[in-house]
């Protein structure tokens, strides 16, 4: 009797697990012709990443800001990631689709994070943006009886840049300059959809500063006119 009861309980638990939540489907992208640049106003490199996710990895309510950048990576829950697709330089785009079934993500704020690495040091270039409309579905919307919400979130509808620069559109073609037979962007760009920024502005080591100072003093001594 107990064995039969245990079998029934196991089957019931399996059924609940398989039907635990509906799926929240997110189509996320940038406009077909977007301008995305690095901190030096160069084309966003193909090897860099654009991801979508939340900051609920540790189970606490974590709100990313400039005072806690060292904790971003530990709290990040990546839902999906992609690379940009070149359309016609300097224009590019990106797109992805993810189906989220994790009810623990319910009601969490969603961000788009563009980065070259997640080290969080002077080598890191990041752009973290979000919108008030980018939130995961409520737990009630993920009930098994629901079809599951479908959202389409586009970079250009973002309204907040936690880090980096977002959605500045100004008609000024003078920002393009010729260089080596090609075209690059002047710095900073006048018009863009997204631009990463260095997380840390490197500060020269004291020994480097001292060497530069001594070199400058030496140059001054060489240029001092001789006595008559």
Protein backbone atom coordinates (compact mmCIF):
# COMPACT_ATOMS: atom_id res chain seq x y z
CA UNK A 1 0.00 0.00 0.00
CA UNK A 2 2.77 2.41 0.91
CA UNK A 3 4.64 1.56 -2.29
CA UNK A 4 1.54 2.25 -4.37
CA UNK A 5 0.99 5.52 -2.52
CA UNK A 6 4.59 6.55 -3.14
CA UNK A 7 4.16 5.79 -6.85
CA UNK A 8 1.05 7.93 -7.01
CA UNK A 9 2.81 10.79 -5.24
CA UNK A 10 5.74 10.53 -7.65
CA UNK A 11 3.45 10.64 -10.67
CA UNK A 12 1.62 13.65 -9.24
CA UNK A 13 4.86 15.53 -8.58
CA UNK A 14 6.06 14.78 -12.12
CA UNK A 15 2.79 16.10 -13.53
CA UNK A 16 3.05 19.30 -11.50
CA UNK A 17 6.66 19.79 -12.57
CA UNK A 18 5.93 19.31 -16.25
CA UNK A 19 3.00 21.73 -16.08
CA UNK A 20 4.48 24.14 -13.52
CA UNK A 21 4.54 27.29 -15.60
CA UNK A 22 3.62 28.74 -18.93
CA UNK A 23 6.32 30.27 -21.10
CA UNK A 24 7.18 33.97 -21.29
CA UNK A 25 8.45 34.50 -24.83
CA UNK A 26 10.65 37.52 -25.47
CA UNK A 27 11.63 38.76 -28.92
CA UNK A 28 14.45 41.26 -28.35
CA UNK A 29 16.30 43.22 -30.99
CA UNK A 30 17.52 46.52 -32.38
CA UNK A 31 16.06 48.34 -35.34
CA UNK A 32 17.20 46.97 -38.70
CA UNK A 33 19.49 49.96 -39.18
CA UNK A 34 21.08 50.85 -35.86
CA UNK A 35 24.23 52.73 -34.89
CA UNK A 36 26.12 50.91 -32.15
CA UNK A 37 29.62 52.05 -31.20
CA UNK A 38 32.40 51.43 -28.73
CA UNK A 39 33.83 54.09 -26.42
CA UNK A 40 36.22 55.35 -29.11
CA UNK A 41 33.35 55.81 -31.59
CA UNK A 42 34.42 52.77 -33.56
CA UNK A 43 32.14 50.06 -34.90
CA UNK A 44 30.92 47.69 -32.19
CA UNK A 45 33.24 44.66 -32.64
CA UNK A 46 31.77 41.36 -33.80
CA UNK A 47 33.51 39.50 -30.97
CA UNK A 48 31.70 41.52 -28.30
CA UNK A 49 28.42 40.41 -26.73
CA UNK A 50 24.95 41.85 -26.37
CA UNK A 51 22.88 39.96 -23.81
CA UNK A 52 19.50 40.19 -22.14
CA UNK A 53 18.85 39.22 -18.54
CA UNK A 54 18.05 40.20 -14.98
CA UNK A 55 20.01 40.76 -11.78
CA UNK A 56 18.28 38.16 -9.61
CA UNK A 57 20.94 35.45 -9.45
CA UNK A 58 21.43 35.70 -5.69
CA UNK A 59 17.74 35.84 -4.92
CA UNK A 60 17.85 39.35 -3.47
CA UNK A 61 16.50 42.54 -4.96
CA UNK A 62 19.60 43.94 -6.67
CA UNK A 63 19.49 47.23 -8.54
CA UNK A 64 22.60 47.88 -10.65
CA UNK A 65 24.17 51.32 -10.38
CA UNK A 66 27.60 52.93 -10.62
CA UNK A 67 28.34 52.21 -6.97
CA UNK A 68 27.99 48.42 -7.26
CA UNK A 69 29.47 47.57 -10.67
CA UNK A 70 31.78 45.02 -9.01
CA UNK A 71 28.69 42.95 -8.13
CA UNK A 72 26.98 43.05 -11.52
CA UNK A 73 28.48 39.85 -12.89
CA UNK A 74 27.73 37.83 -9.74
CA UNK A 75 24.08 38.91 -9.78
CA UNK A 76 23.54 38.62 -13.54
CA UNK A 77 21.13 35.98 -14.90
CA UNK A 78 21.58 35.77 -18.66
CA UNK A 79 18.42 34.86 -20.53
CA UNK A 80 19.90 35.08 -24.02
CA UNK A 81 22.87 36.59 -25.86
CA UNK A 82 23.90 37.42 -29.40
CA UNK A 83 26.32 39.43 -31.53
CA UNK A 84 25.51 42.29 -33.83
CA UNK A 85 24.85 41.73 -37.52
CA UNK A 86 26.49 44.14 -39.92
CA UNK A 87 24.01 45.68 -42.36
CA UNK A 88 25.92 48.48 -44.06
CA UNK A 89 28.75 50.14 -42.10
CA UNK A 90 28.36 51.91 -39.79
CA UNK A 91 24.86 50.46 -39.44
CA UNK A 92 24.19 47.16 -37.70
CA UNK A 93 21.47 45.25 -35.87
CA UNK A 94 20.92 42.31 -33.54
CA UNK A 95 18.02 40.07 -32.65
CA UNK A 96 17.14 37.08 -30.54
CA UNK A 97 14.23 35.11 -29.10
CA UNK A 98 14.12 33.43 -25.72
CA UNK A 99 11.41 31.42 -23.97
CA UNK A 100 11.62 31.83 -20.19
CA UNK A 101 9.93 29.25 -17.95
CA UNK A 102 11.73 30.07 -14.70
CA UNK A 103 9.03 31.34 -12.34
CA UNK A 104 11.78 32.67 -10.02
CA UNK A 105 12.32 35.45 -12.57
CA UNK A 106 8.72 36.68 -12.19
CA UNK A 107 8.41 40.48 -12.03
CA UNK A 108 12.17 41.04 -12.34
CA UNK A 109 13.47 44.03 -14.28
CA UNK A 110 15.10 43.08 -17.59
CA UNK A 111 18.21 44.76 -19.02
CA UNK A 112 20.23 44.68 -22.24
CA UNK A 113 23.95 44.52 -21.52
CA UNK A 114 26.56 45.14 -24.22
CA UNK A 115 30.14 44.33 -23.25
CA UNK A 116 33.57 43.20 -24.39
CA UNK A 117 34.13 41.28 -21.15
CA UNK A 118 32.62 41.03 -17.68
CA UNK A 119 35.88 41.48 -15.77
CA UNK A 120 34.76 44.81 -14.35
CA UNK A 121 38.19 46.42 -14.61
CA UNK A 122 39.97 49.03 -16.74
CA UNK A 123 39.71 46.74 -19.80
CA UNK A 124 35.90 46.57 -19.62
CA UNK A 125 33.62 48.49 -21.97
CA UNK A 126 29.97 48.24 -20.98
CA UNK A 127 26.56 49.63 -21.84
CA UNK A 128 23.66 48.61 -19.61
CA UNK A 129 20.20 49.85 -20.58
CA UNK A 130 16.62 49.10 -19.67
CA UNK A 131 13.05 50.32 -19.97
CA UNK A 132 10.21 50.60 -17.49
CA UNK A 133 8.27 48.26 -19.81
CA UNK A 134 10.90 45.50 -19.76
CA UNK A 135 9.74 43.36 -16.83
CA UNK A 136 9.29 39.63 -16.56
CA UNK A 137 5.76 38.29 -16.39
CA UNK A 138 3.87 38.12 -13.12
CA UNK A 139 3.69 34.65 -11.57
CA UNK A 140 -0.07 34.57 -12.22
CA UNK A 141 0.61 35.06 -15.93
CA UNK A 142 2.82 31.97 -15.88
CA UNK A 143 0.16 29.62 -14.54
CA UNK A 144 -0.19 26.33 -16.48
CA UNK A 145 -3.66 27.35 -17.65
CA UNK A 146 -2.28 30.49 -19.34
CA UNK A 147 -0.98 30.64 -22.91
CA UNK A 148 1.99 32.66 -21.70
CA UNK A 149 2.82 36.29 -22.54
CA UNK A 150 4.76 37.29 -25.65
CA UNK A 151 6.73 40.54 -25.62
CA UNK A 152 8.78 42.37 -28.22
CA UNK A 153 11.47 44.58 -26.70
CA UNK A 154 13.51 46.80 -29.00
CA UNK A 155 16.70 48.65 -28.04
CA UNK A 156 15.30 51.93 -29.31
CA UNK A 157 12.41 51.74 -26.79
CA UNK A 158 14.86 51.76 -23.90
CA UNK A 159 14.48 54.77 -21.62
CA UNK A 160 17.31 54.37 -19.08
CA UNK A 161 21.07 53.99 -19.46
CA UNK A 162 22.62 52.74 -16.24
CA UNK A 163 26.01 52.86 -17.95
CA UNK A 164 26.93 53.87 -21.50
CA UNK A 165 24.91 56.06 -23.81
CA UNK A 166 21.48 55.36 -25.31
CA UNK A 167 19.33 56.65 -28.15
CA UNK A 168 20.70 59.98 -29.29
CA UNK A 169 19.47 60.67 -32.80
CA UNK A 170 20.63 63.90 -34.39
CA UNK A 171 20.86 64.53 -38.16
CA UNK A 172 24.51 65.50 -38.53
CA UNK A 173 26.52 63.81 -41.28
CA UNK A 174 29.62 65.83 -40.32
CA UNK A 175 30.35 63.13 -37.73
CA UNK A 176 31.68 60.90 -40.52
CA UNK A 177 35.33 61.45 -41.49
CA UNK A 178 37.51 59.72 -44.09
CA UNK A 179 40.34 57.60 -42.79
CA UNK A 180 42.62 55.28 -44.72
CA UNK A 181 40.27 54.92 -47.66
CA UNK A 182 37.36 54.13 -45.36
CA UNK A 183 34.96 55.94 -43.10
CA UNK A 184 35.05 56.18 -39.34
CA UNK A 185 33.15 58.17 -36.80
CA UNK A 186 34.37 61.27 -35.04
CA UNK A 187 34.51 61.08 -31.25
CA UNK A 188 32.11 61.36 -29.57
CA UNK A 189 29.43 60.36 -32.09
CA UNK A 190 26.67 62.89 -32.56
CA UNK A 191 24.08 60.26 -33.40
CA UNK A 192 23.83 56.74 -32.01
CA UNK A 193 21.49 54.10 -30.66
CA UNK A 194 23.97 52.62 -28.21
CA UNK A 195 27.55 53.36 -27.19
CA UNK A 196 29.68 51.51 -24.67
CA UNK A 197 31.91 53.34 -22.21
CA UNK A 198 35.05 52.27 -20.38
CA UNK A 199 34.10 51.12 -16.93
CA UNK A 200 37.26 52.54 -15.36
CA UNK A 201 39.42 55.38 -16.65
CA UNK A 202 42.94 54.02 -16.17
CA UNK A 203 45.11 56.09 -13.82
CA UNK A 204 48.89 56.06 -14.53
CA UNK A 205 51.03 54.23 -11.98
CA UNK A 206 53.09 56.54 -9.69
CA UNK A 207 56.30 55.23 -11.27
CA UNK A 208 55.02 56.20 -14.71
CA UNK A 209 54.11 59.68 -13.51
CA UNK A 210 57.57 60.09 -11.93
CA UNK A 211 59.30 58.94 -15.12
CA UNK A 212 57.30 61.42 -17.20
CA UNK A 213 58.15 64.21 -14.77
CA UNK A 214 61.89 63.41 -14.87
CA UNK A 215 61.79 63.22 -18.66
CA UNK A 216 60.13 66.62 -18.80
CA UNK A 217 62.74 68.13 -16.52
CA UNK A 218 65.46 66.65 -18.70
CA UNK A 219 63.99 68.21 -21.83
CA UNK A 220 63.82 71.58 -20.11
CA UNK A 221 67.49 71.30 -19.11
CA UNK A 222 68.49 70.51 -22.69
CA UNK A 223 66.58 73.49 -24.02
CA UNK A 224 68.07 75.93 -21.47
CA UNK A 225 70.26 78.44 -23.33
CA UNK A 226 73.99 78.34 -22.54
CA UNK A 227 75.78 81.13 -20.77
CA UNK A 228 77.29 83.86 -22.96
